């Protein structure tokens, strides 16, 4: 299966977070012949019921290429024209899976081994797959992680801090609101306070940002709401502690605050010869890097169309990504070999 056909086959498998199993099964089937041909192995890395990472390796994996199988909703199938492949996950990150797989195949055909492929679940929600992989390392010294960076090497990525807010009220007839207490009013007041927080800035990463992602609650228009919830996410450029403290102060006495996810700001290693960028999104790298090696972040596609109804990836960028991954792996393997030769 060539690069474009593999990308489309992956895109056409619905794998919204928590529903990655079919994508994992496809990758197991696709990678097994490649493993058998070149003396490698492919394994399921159990995460939870019906969810697993896929790890393929040849030799002792010094360099591992990795990205995620899950996508955001809603699913829509693939299509293409002369310039682009389209569909949910085309750039985030099914096209990257295809490019890494084709890069591995090219390396193996050239007789180069000591490489791995790690495809994880749950990146779009809580890095569940990365957390499991971090506890079960395979000896990798370098991690090439794939996210849509337009094939530019990422120098730094923002952190993330996500909360669930829950408000409780007292039900009553909306004609007599004084007899109850609206959870929705409490939630809106808390959110208004949060929206006016002063957020830190950084010379490299820019400003921290807030997104109020979901709001729900209430029973009916003629009933004062007894419950309401919201999910919010900050994209951080510095330490989370001041933002965390400010959220608790802004919501005190109004709503319950539950921290769901924290991912720190991350600065990446340099790699000569590639254009560079910084990104406002977070990745699995902060979870993986301590046990899977020195990390690099690069991949085809634009984050500006990821998570949108126009998600697509340039065919040219996909082809270029294969060459970039092959070159990076070769150079990292050579660097590791040189260090090993110099070690006593």
Foldseek 3Di string as FASTA:
>chain_A
DALVVQLQVLLQDAAAAPRQLVSVVVVQVVCVVVCVVQVKDWDWQDLDVSFTKIKIFHDQAQEEEEEESHFHDDWDHWDDDPWWIDTTCSVRPSSVLSLLVVLVSVCVVVVHGNHMYIYFGDWVHALSRLLSCQVPFRRYAEYEYEHAPQQFWEFKEWKKWKKKKKFFKAKDFQVCPVVIGALVVLVVQLVVLLVPDDFDADPAQGTKDKDFDDKDWDDDPGMRTGMIMTMMMIGHDADCVVSVVSSCVSNPPRIDMDIDHIGHMDGADDDPDGHYGHYRDDGSCSSRDVRNHRYIYGYFDDPVCHPHPGGITTPVRSVVSSVVVNVVVVVSVVVVVVVVVPDD
